[in-house]
Protein backbone atom coordinates (compact mmCIF):
# COMPACT_ATOMS: atom_id res chain seq x y z
CA UNK A 1 0.22 0.13 0.16
CA UNK A 2 1.66 3.59 -1.14
CA UNK A 3 2.03 6.59 1.70
CA UNK A 4 3.82 9.97 1.38
CA UNK A 5 5.57 11.48 4.21
CA UNK A 6 4.62 15.09 5.91
CA UNK A 7 4.64 16.67 8.58
CA UNK A 8 1.22 15.35 9.72
CA UNK A 9 0.87 12.30 12.35
CA UNK A 10 -2.28 10.32 10.95
CA UNK A 11 -4.21 7.69 12.41
CA UNK A 12 -2.02 4.53 13.42
CA UNK A 13 0.94 5.13 11.32
CA UNK A 14 3.57 8.09 11.55
CA UNK A 15 3.87 7.90 7.87
CA UNK A 16 1.33 10.54 5.90
CA UNK A 17 1.34 12.27 2.57
CA UNK A 18 2.35 15.65 2.04
CA UNK A 19 0.00 18.31 2.01
CA UNK A 20 -1.28 19.37 -1.29
CA UNK A 21 -0.67 23.31 -1.04
CA UNK A 22 0.03 24.03 -4.77
CA UNK A 23 -0.71 27.60 -5.86
CA UNK A 24 -3.86 28.78 -7.17
CA UNK A 25 -3.17 28.24 -10.68
CA UNK A 26 -2.75 24.90 -10.18
CA UNK A 27 -2.08 22.47 -13.11
CA UNK A 28 -4.51 20.03 -13.67
CA UNK A 29 -2.21 16.74 -12.63
CA UNK A 30 -1.69 18.12 -9.41
CA UNK A 31 -3.14 15.99 -6.72
CA UNK A 32 -3.12 12.76 -4.44
CA UNK A 33 -4.42 9.86 -6.86
CA UNK A 34 -5.64 6.29 -4.69
CA UNK A 35 -5.75 2.80 -5.97
CA UNK A 36 -6.07 -0.34 -3.76
CA UNK A 37 -8.38 -3.03 -2.52
CA UNK A 38 -8.98 -5.00 1.11
CA UNK A 39 -5.22 -6.25 1.83
CA UNK A 40 -3.49 -3.30 -0.46
CA UNK A 41 -3.36 0.33 -0.97
CA UNK A 42 -0.97 2.52 -3.42
CA UNK A 43 -0.81 6.39 -3.12
CA UNK A 44 0.64 8.44 -5.78
CA UNK A 45 0.84 12.21 -5.02
CA UNK A 46 2.09 14.58 -7.85
CA UNK A 47 2.90 17.92 -7.86
CA UNK A 48 3.54 19.50 -11.80
CA UNK A 49 5.06 22.47 -12.39
CA UNK A 50 4.34 25.46 -15.01
CA UNK A 51 6.56 23.68 -17.87
CA UNK A 52 5.22 20.61 -17.03
CA UNK A 53 7.32 18.88 -14.94
CA UNK A 54 6.44 16.37 -12.33
CA UNK A 55 7.62 15.65 -9.01
CA UNK A 56 6.34 13.67 -5.91
CA UNK A 57 6.04 10.35 -4.17
CA UNK A 58 4.53 7.05 -4.73
CA UNK A 59 4.04 4.54 -1.59
CA UNK A 60 2.66 1.17 -1.72
CA UNK A 61 0.92 -0.85 1.44
CA UNK A 62 0.47 -4.42 1.49
CA UNK A 63 -1.05 -6.58 3.83
CA UNK A 64 1.21 -10.07 4.15
CA UNK A 65 -0.39 -13.47 4.84
CA UNK A 66 1.61 -13.34 8.74
CA UNK A 67 -0.84 -10.12 8.70
CA UNK A 68 2.24 -7.63 9.10
CA UNK A 69 2.33 -4.31 6.76
CA UNK A 70 4.83 -4.18 4.34
CA UNK A 71 5.80 -1.00 3.10
CA UNK A 72 7.56 0.50 0.37
CA UNK A 73 8.08 3.87 -0.73
CA UNK A 74 9.93 6.06 -3.64
CA UNK A 75 10.20 9.30 -5.15
CA UNK A 76 8.58 10.43 -8.58
CA UNK A 77 9.83 12.39 -11.61
CA UNK A 78 8.50 12.76 -14.93
CA UNK A 79 6.39 15.47 -17.33
CA UNK A 80 3.42 15.45 -18.79
CA UNK A 81 1.81 16.99 -22.45
CA UNK A 82 -1.54 17.54 -22.34
CA UNK A 83 -3.33 14.66 -20.92
CA UNK A 84 -0.36 12.46 -21.68
CA UNK A 85 2.11 11.83 -18.67
CA UNK A 86 5.22 9.56 -18.23
CA UNK A 87 6.77 8.85 -14.26
CA UNK A 88 10.22 7.32 -13.24
CA UNK A 89 11.10 6.18 -10.03
CA UNK A 90 14.36 4.15 -10.09
CA UNK A 91 14.11 2.00 -6.85
CA UNK A 92 10.37 1.77 -6.16
CA UNK A 93 8.94 0.78 -9.62
CA UNK A 94 11.49 -1.48 -10.39
CA UNK A 95 10.84 -3.06 -6.91
CA UNK A 96 7.19 -3.16 -7.25
CA UNK A 97 6.35 -3.46 -11.00
CA UNK A 98 9.33 -4.43 -12.58
CA UNK A 99 9.39 -1.37 -14.32
CA UNK A 100 11.43 2.18 -13.24
CA UNK A 101 9.40 4.06 -15.54
CA UNK A 102 5.01 4.70 -15.82
CA UNK A 103 3.15 6.31 -18.71
CA UNK A 104 -0.40 7.13 -19.07
CA UNK A 105 -3.16 9.67 -19.34
CA UNK A 106 -5.17 11.90 -17.42
CA UNK A 107 -8.68 11.68 -17.77
CA UNK A 108 -10.84 14.13 -15.18
CA UNK A 109 -10.59 12.78 -11.34
CA UNK A 110 -8.58 9.12 -13.21
CA UNK A 111 -4.72 8.20 -13.80
CA UNK A 112 -4.79 5.53 -16.15
CA UNK A 113 -1.27 4.02 -16.08
CA UNK A 114 0.56 1.41 -17.70
CA UNK A 115 4.34 -0.49 -17.02
CA UNK A 116 5.57 -3.22 -19.24
CA UNK A 117 2.99 -6.49 -17.93
CA UNK A 118 0.21 -4.70 -16.29
CA UNK A 119 -2.03 -1.51 -16.21
CA UNK A 120 -4.21 0.03 -13.04
CA UNK A 121 -6.38 2.92 -12.61
CA UNK A 122 -5.43 5.76 -9.71
CA UNK A 123 -8.68 7.65 -8.39
CA UNK A 124 -8.07 11.51 -7.34
CA UNK A 125 -8.67 11.84 -3.54
CA UNK A 126 -7.76 13.61 -0.68
CA UNK A 127 -5.97 13.51 2.34
CA UNK A 128 -8.80 12.81 4.75
CA UNK A 129 -10.01 9.62 2.53
CA UNK A 130 -6.47 8.51 2.56
CA UNK A 131 -6.32 8.51 6.30
CA UNK A 132 -9.67 6.59 6.45
CA UNK A 133 -8.06 3.81 4.36
CA UNK A 134 -4.96 3.45 5.84
CA UNK A 135 -7.12 2.81 8.97
CA UNK A 136 -9.20 0.25 7.52
CA UNK A 137 -5.86 -1.06 6.65
CA UNK A 138 -4.31 -1.39 9.48
CA UNK A 139 -7.63 -3.02 10.93
CA UNK A 140 -7.70 -5.36 8.37
CA UNK A 141 -3.85 -6.59 9.27
CA UNK A 142 -4.99 -6.80 13.10
CA UNK A 143 -7.52 -9.12 11.86
CA UNK A 144 -5.40 -10.88 10.19
CA UNK A 145 -3.02 -11.36 12.18
CA UNK A 146 -5.52 -12.25 15.08
CA UNK A 147 -7.06 -15.07 12.42
CA UNK A 148 -3.50 -16.75 11.73
CA UNK A 149 -3.00 -16.44 15.51
CA UNK A 150 -6.66 -18.20 16.24
CA UNK A 151 -5.98 -20.68 13.54
CA UNK A 152 -2.60 -21.77 14.37
CA UNK A 153 -3.80 -22.24 18.07
CA UNK A 154 -6.78 -24.14 16.41
CA UNK A 155 -4.31 -26.62 14.34
CA UNK A 156 -1.88 -27.25 17.31
CA UNK A 157 -4.77 -28.30 19.51
CA UNK A 158 -6.49 -30.66 17.10
CA UNK A 159 -3.03 -31.89 16.19
CA UNK A 160 -2.25 -32.73 20.39
CA UNK A 161 -5.12 -34.00 20.40
CA UNK A 162 -5.62 -36.70 18.09
CA UNK A 163 -1.96 -37.29 19.76
CA UNK A 164 -3.47 -37.73 23.26
CA UNK A 165 -6.23 -39.85 22.02
CA UNK A 166 -3.59 -42.30 20.44
CA UNK A 167 -1.84 -42.45 23.08
CA UNK A 168 -4.67 -42.83 25.42
CA UNK A 169 -6.36 -45.48 23.36
CA UNK A 170 -2.52 -47.63 23.69
CA UNK A 171 -2.33 -46.87 27.46
CA UNK A 172 -3.56 -50.09 29.03
CA UNK A 173 -1.50 -51.88 26.62
CA UNK A 174 1.69 -50.24 27.47
CA UNK A 175 1.28 -50.04 31.10
CA UNK A 176 0.54 -54.11 31.00
CA UNK A 177 3.85 -54.44 29.08
CA UNK A 178 5.51 -52.10 31.43
CA UNK A 179 4.68 -54.13 34.48
CA UNK A 180 5.67 -57.60 32.47
CA UNK A 181 8.67 -55.90 32.07
CA UNK A 182 9.34 -55.21 35.45
CA UNK A 183 8.81 -58.43 36.06
CA UNK A 184 10.87 -59.73 33.62
CA UNK A 185 13.73 -57.66 34.71
CA UNK A 186 13.33 -58.85 38.65
CA UNK A 187 13.38 -62.30 37.45
CA UNK A 188 16.34 -61.87 35.50
CA UNK A 189 18.16 -60.28 38.29
CA UNK A 190 17.36 -62.78 40.38
CA UNK A 191 18.54 -65.55 38.63
CA UNK A 192 21.68 -63.63 38.04
CA UNK A 193 21.87 -63.20 41.78
CA UNK A 194 21.52 -66.80 42.39
CA UNK A 195 24.37 -67.75 40.39
CA UNK A 196 26.73 -65.40 41.51
CA UNK A 197 26.11 -66.98 45.10
CA UNK A 198 26.28 -70.52 43.53
CA UNK A 199 29.53 -69.55 42.56
CA UNK A 200 30.84 -67.88 45.79
CA UNK A 201 30.18 -71.12 47.47
CA UNK A 202 32.38 -72.99 44.95
CA UNK A 203 34.98 -70.84 45.23
CA UNK A 204 35.00 -71.04 48.80
CA UNK A 205 35.07 -74.59 48.76
CA UNK A 206 37.92 -74.01 46.06
CA UNK A 207 35.92 -76.48 43.44
CA UNK A 208 36.84 -77.18 40.45
CA UNK A 209 37.01 -74.66 37.58
CA UNK A 210 34.95 -76.79 35.45
CA UNK A 211 32.03 -76.39 38.11
CA UNK A 212 32.03 -72.38 38.08
CA UNK A 213 32.75 -71.89 34.32
CA UNK A 214 29.06 -72.59 33.17
CA UNK A 215 27.50 -70.69 36.00
CA UNK A 216 30.03 -67.68 34.70
CA UNK A 217 28.52 -68.30 31.27
CA UNK A 218 24.78 -67.89 32.36
CA UNK A 219 25.20 -65.29 34.75
CA UNK A 220 26.71 -63.21 31.34
CA UNK A 221 24.21 -64.45 29.01
CA UNK A 222 21.15 -63.40 31.76
CA UNK A 223 23.06 -60.08 32.30
CA UNK A 224 22.60 -59.32 28.51
CA UNK A 225 19.21 -60.03 28.31
CA UNK A 226 18.57 -57.81 30.94
CA UNK A 227 20.57 -54.96 29.12
CA UNK A 228 18.26 -55.63 26.02
CA UNK A 229 15.30 -55.23 28.03
CA UNK A 230 16.32 -52.31 29.78
CA UNK A 231 17.60 -50.71 26.46
CA UNK A 232 13.82 -51.73 25.09
CA UNK A 233 12.44 -50.17 27.98
CA UNK A 234 14.03 -46.96 28.34
CA UNK A 235 13.67 -45.99 24.45
CA UNK A 236 10.13 -46.75 25.13
CA UNK A 237 10.15 -44.27 27.83
CA UNK A 238 12.21 -42.01 25.55
CA UNK A 239 9.27 -41.89 23.11
CA UNK A 240 6.59 -41.73 25.44
CA UNK A 241 7.91 -38.25 26.91
CA UNK A 242 8.35 -36.82 23.23
CA UNK A 243 4.56 -37.67 22.74
CA UNK A 244 3.97 -36.14 26.04
CA UNK A 245 5.97 -32.98 25.60
CA UNK A 246 4.73 -32.60 21.81
CA UNK A 247 1.12 -33.12 23.49
CA UNK A 248 1.90 -30.49 26.54
CA UNK A 249 3.41 -28.14 23.81
CA UNK A 250 0.31 -28.09 21.48
CA UNK A 251 -1.96 -27.44 24.27
CA UNK A 252 0.12 -24.55 26.20
CA UNK A 253 0.19 -22.83 22.57
CA UNK A 254 -3.31 -22.84 22.66
CA UNK A 255 -3.79 -21.70 26.36
CA UNK A 256 -1.61 -18.87 26.17
CA UNK A 257 -3.92 -17.89 22.81
CA UNK A 258 -7.21 -18.56 24.77
CA UNK A 259 -7.35 -15.79 27.28
CA UNK A 260 -10.07 -16.95 30.12
CA UNK A 261 -11.05 -13.32 30.71
CA UNK A 262 -12.12 -13.14 26.56
CA UNK A 263 -15.65 -14.47 26.36
CA UNK A 264 -15.13 -14.07 22.42
CA UNK A 265 -12.34 -16.90 22.97
CA UNK A 266 -14.39 -18.85 24.98
CA UNK A 267 -16.66 -19.01 22.66
CA UNK A 268 -14.42 -21.20 20.44
CA UNK A 269 -15.14 -25.26 20.78
CA UNK A 270 -11.21 -25.60 21.26
CA UNK A 271 -10.73 -22.89 23.50
CA UNK A 272 -13.38 -24.17 25.60
CA UNK A 273 -12.25 -27.08 25.69
CA UNK A 274 -8.30 -26.88 26.38
CA UNK A 275 -8.64 -26.67 30.27
CA UNK A 276 -10.14 -29.99 30.35
CA UNK A 277 -7.75 -31.48 27.67
CA UNK A 278 -4.86 -30.36 29.96
CA UNK A 279 -5.96 -31.28 33.26
CA UNK A 280 -6.50 -34.79 31.32
CA UNK A 281 -2.64 -34.42 30.30
CA UNK A 282 -1.31 -34.03 33.56
CA UNK A 283 -3.13 -37.07 34.91
CA UNK A 284 -1.58 -39.05 32.53
CA UNK A 285 1.75 -37.15 33.02
CA UNK A 286 1.63 -38.22 36.53
CA UNK A 287 0.76 -42.08 35.80
CA UNK A 288 3.43 -42.78 33.78
CA UNK A 289 6.03 -40.56 36.00
CA UNK A 290 5.00 -43.01 38.91
CA UNK A 291 5.83 -45.93 36.16
CA UNK A 292 9.00 -44.48 35.28
CA UNK A 293 10.52 -44.16 38.53
CA UNK A 294 9.31 -47.36 39.65
CA UNK A 295 11.76 -48.50 36.64
CA UNK A 296 14.26 -46.39 37.32
CA UNK A 297 14.63 -47.94 41.34
CA UNK A 298 14.33 -51.39 40.11
CA UNK A 299 17.32 -50.87 37.71
CA UNK A 300 19.25 -49.38 40.55
CA UNK A 301 18.44 -52.18 42.68
CA UNK A 302 19.65 -54.66 41.01
CA UNK A 303 22.61 -52.95 39.84
């Protein structure tokens, strides 16, 4: 969208157009011209001199997909002869239109502009009109940004909810697997301890190595089974923690958007549900934390 710089402070923006204060014998082309749409505004300000020389400014304001106001501007120079004119702006026009010059004609209050690959019409307006349009544009940018935040919060909530539902569905089988694994690990640890004690008794009576060697090999094989089981359960807990962290991050992002004091937000379905979902997640985290601590205690006591 396009604006011109001035000493006046306009609306939400500190950038404004020069006030047009041409003399009484102002030429037809002198003035402020506006073009754009809901997400864009271009403004061209032109002052025509006595010999047909043109000076002015072009500025463009465009709302990005993120809801930010992208601003570009540049000075204009040119000439007019009758209704035909040429305008040049090295930096601005090249970046905006891919061309360093514009040409066209003036018809009453309309600038018909042509450049390589396109054309546009600018309608003559006033600073008041420009300020109203800029205020509307800023409000639209705020709305776009808010909708982006809302959509992202809803997306994060939906993703986290799906992850939580999948975890809840598999949790009974997961808890059974952890209980069985603890029992199996304890069984293996006891088997290793029995063989160690047997070896100590044999060594105490100076038994032949042929009696102790099989026990050594058995203890080592059982310990390898314990290590394999331990690695499997540790990896399982790592995956579960990663899932829980992802769910929590999604819920926290949503909760940061859903201000409970804003009734407009709380009327959104996902905002109304987030508190209950976070409580359910906390309950599952505590249950799985107890399982993890039990597993760590078992490993420590069997070390």
